[in-house]
C-alpha atoms as a PDB file:
ATOM      1  CA  UNK A   1      10.163 -25.830  -4.790  1.00  0.00           C
ATOM      2  CA  UNK A   2      11.427 -24.538  -1.459  1.00  0.00           C
ATOM      3  CA  UNK A   3       9.098 -23.342   1.262  1.00  0.00           C
ATOM      4  CA  UNK A   4      10.122 -19.679   0.859  1.00  0.00           C
ATOM      5  CA  UNK A   5       9.600 -19.798  -2.899  1.00  0.00           C
ATOM      6  CA  UNK A   6       6.170 -21.301  -2.304  1.00  0.00           C
ATOM      7  CA  UNK A   7       5.265 -18.527   0.166  1.00  0.00           C
ATOM      8  CA  UNK A   8       6.202 -15.895  -2.394  1.00  0.00           C
ATOM      9  CA  UNK A   9       4.516 -17.499  -5.395  1.00  0.00           C
ATOM     10  CA  UNK A  10       1.260 -18.130  -3.508  1.00  0.00           C
ATOM     11  CA  UNK A  11       1.217 -14.503  -2.347  1.00  0.00           C
ATOM     12  CA  UNK A  12       1.420 -15.273   1.370  1.00  0.00           C
ATOM     13  CA  UNK A  13       4.280 -12.817   1.860  1.00  0.00           C
ATOM     14  CA  UNK A  14       2.389 -10.065   0.024  1.00  0.00           C
ATOM     15  CA  UNK A  15      -0.714 -10.761   2.136  1.00  0.00           C
ATOM     16  CA  UNK A  16       1.345 -10.526   5.334  1.00  0.00           C
ATOM     17  CA  UNK A  17       2.886  -7.218   4.272  1.00  0.00           C
ATOM     18  CA  UNK A  18      -0.563  -5.842   3.382  1.00  0.00           C
ATOM     19  CA  UNK A  19      -1.884  -6.842   6.810  1.00  0.00           C
ATOM     20  CA  UNK A  20       1.034  -5.113   8.541  1.00  0.00           C
ATOM     21  CA  UNK A  21       0.514  -2.032   6.356  1.00  0.00           C
ATOM     22  CA  UNK A  22      -3.193  -1.815   7.280  1.00  0.00           C
ATOM     23  CA  UNK A  23      -2.407  -2.276  10.981  1.00  0.00           C
ATOM     24  CA  UNK A  24       0.239   0.442  10.772  1.00  0.00           C
ATOM     25  CA  UNK A  25      -2.246   2.810   9.132  1.00  0.00           C
ATOM     26  CA  UNK A  26      -4.825   2.158  11.873  1.00  0.00           C
ATOM     27  CA  UNK A  27      -2.253   2.750  14.612  1.00  0.00           C
ATOM     28  CA  UNK A  28      -0.844   5.954  13.122  1.00  0.00           C
ATOM     29  CA  UNK A  29      -4.247   7.451  12.253  1.00  0.00           C
ATOM     30  CA  UNK A  30      -5.745   6.312  15.560  1.00  0.00           C
ATOM     31  CA  UNK A  31      -2.893   7.879  17.507  1.00  0.00           C
ATOM     32  CA  UNK A  32      -3.336  11.111  15.562  1.00  0.00           C
ATOM     33  CA  UNK A  33      -7.069  11.204  16.278  1.00  0.00           C
ATOM     34  CA  UNK A  34      -6.533  10.379  19.953  1.00  0.00           C
ATOM     35  CA  UNK A  35      -3.540  12.601  20.826  1.00  0.00           C
ATOM     36  CA  UNK A  36      -3.272  14.982  17.840  1.00  0.00           C
ATOM     37  CA  UNK A  37       0.425  14.049  17.716  1.00  0.00           C
ATOM     38  CA  UNK A  38       2.530  12.140  15.248  1.00  0.00           C
ATOM     39  CA  UNK A  39       1.890  12.195  11.511  1.00  0.00           C
ATOM     40  CA  UNK A  40      -1.280  13.843  10.245  1.00  0.00           C
ATOM     41  CA  UNK A  41      -3.391  11.428   8.176  1.00  0.00           C
ATOM     42  CA  UNK A  42      -3.355  13.782   5.180  1.00  0.00           C
ATOM     43  CA  UNK A  43       0.459  13.621   5.182  1.00  0.00           C
ATOM     44  CA  UNK A  44       0.627   9.889   5.809  1.00  0.00           C
ATOM     45  CA  UNK A  45      -2.145   8.215   3.850  1.00  0.00           C
ATOM     46  CA  UNK A  46      -1.339   9.100   0.196  1.00  0.00           C
ATOM     47  CA  UNK A  47       2.049   7.377   0.389  1.00  0.00           C
ATOM     48  CA  UNK A  48       0.607   4.465   2.319  1.00  0.00           C
ATOM     49  CA  UNK A  49      -2.222   4.048  -0.185  1.00  0.00           C
ATOM     50  CA  UNK A  50       0.239   4.176  -3.075  1.00  0.00           C
ATOM     51  CA  UNK A  51       2.319   1.400  -1.549  1.00  0.00           C
ATOM     52  CA  UNK A  52      -0.738  -0.705  -0.745  1.00  0.00           C
ATOM     53  CA  UNK A  53      -1.998  -0.406  -4.310  1.00  0.00           C
ATOM     54  CA  UNK A  54       1.365  -1.530  -5.688  1.00  0.00           C
ATOM     55  CA  UNK A  55       1.214  -4.556  -3.377  1.00  0.00           C
ATOM     56  CA  UNK A  56      -2.322  -5.272  -4.570  1.00  0.00           C
ATOM     57  CA  UNK A  57      -1.081  -5.140  -8.173  1.00  0.00           C
ATOM     58  CA  UNK A  58       1.617  -7.678  -7.300  1.00  0.00           C
ATOM     59  CA  UNK A  59      -0.956  -9.836  -5.512  1.00  0.00           C
ATOM     60  CA  UNK A  60      -3.236  -9.741  -8.566  1.00  0.00           C
ATOM     61  CA  UNK A  61      -0.378 -10.856 -10.821  1.00  0.00           C
ATOM     62  CA  UNK A  62       0.518 -13.701  -8.473  1.00  0.00           C
ATOM     63  CA  UNK A  63      -3.134 -14.784  -8.438  1.00  0.00           C
ATOM     64  CA  UNK A  64      -3.229 -14.834 -12.239  1.00  0.00           C
ATOM     65  CA  UNK A  65      -5.801 -12.058 -12.545  1.00  0.00           C
ATOM     66  CA  UNK A  66      -4.794 -11.050 -16.069  1.00  0.00           C
ATOM     67  CA  UNK A  67      -3.665  -7.581 -17.020  1.00  0.00           C
ATOM     68  CA  UNK A  68      -6.615  -5.310 -16.143  1.00  0.00           C
ATOM     69  CA  UNK A  69      -6.600  -5.541 -12.327  1.00  0.00           C
ATOM     70  CA  UNK A  70      -2.837  -4.926 -11.935  1.00  0.00           C
ATOM     71  CA  UNK A  71      -2.998  -2.082 -14.446  1.00  0.00           C
ATOM     72  CA  UNK A  72      -5.838  -0.363 -12.588  1.00  0.00           C
ATOM     73  CA  UNK A  73      -4.028  -0.822  -9.272  1.00  0.00           C
ATOM     74  CA  UNK A  74      -0.838   0.672 -10.682  1.00  0.00           C
ATOM     75  CA  UNK A  75      -2.703   3.605 -12.229  1.00  0.00           C
ATOM     76  CA  UNK A  76      -4.388   4.328  -8.893  1.00  0.00           C
ATOM     77  CA  UNK A  77      -1.013   3.987  -7.122  1.00  0.00           C
ATOM     78  CA  UNK A  78       0.449   6.542  -9.513  1.00  0.00           C
ATOM     79  CA  UNK A  79      -2.402   8.936  -8.778  1.00  0.00           C
ATOM     80  CA  UNK A  80      -1.920   8.534  -5.020  1.00  0.00           C
ATOM     81  CA  UNK A  81       1.798   9.136  -5.502  1.00  0.00           C
ATOM     82  CA  UNK A  82       1.130  12.324  -7.474  1.00  0.00           C
ATOM     83  CA  UNK A  83      -1.172  13.542  -4.704  1.00  0.00           C
ATOM     84  CA  UNK A  84       1.568  12.822  -2.167  1.00  0.00           C
ATOM     85  CA  UNK A  85       4.210  14.663  -4.209  1.00  0.00           C
ATOM     86  CA  UNK A  86       1.906  17.634  -4.782  1.00  0.00           C
ATOM     87  CA  UNK A  87       1.214  17.941  -1.049  1.00  0.00           C
ATOM     88  CA  UNK A  88       4.938  17.870  -0.248  1.00  0.00           C
ATOM     89  CA  UNK A  89       6.093  20.196  -3.055  1.00  0.00           C
ATOM     90  CA  UNK A  90       7.695  23.405  -1.819  1.00  0.00           C
ATOM     91  CA  UNK A  91       7.974  26.492  -4.046  1.00  0.00           C
END
């Protein structure tokens, strides 16, 4: 197996993306709290949480967690996505 395939199958790539995602969330929310500029956390976090939960579902599958953990992560991601869409919906 090649090194890149090994990084993907062991979940290292997913872990790295999750770390970057968490750091990005801290920076964006921290900047908002400090300067009151940029993206408001209420506009930013539902989409970010949805993406993080989908990555966690992938990570659970790669770790061999069975079906329950990925299913719960995907259901929660769908809920976060619906919250995001509802906030953005314009009549």
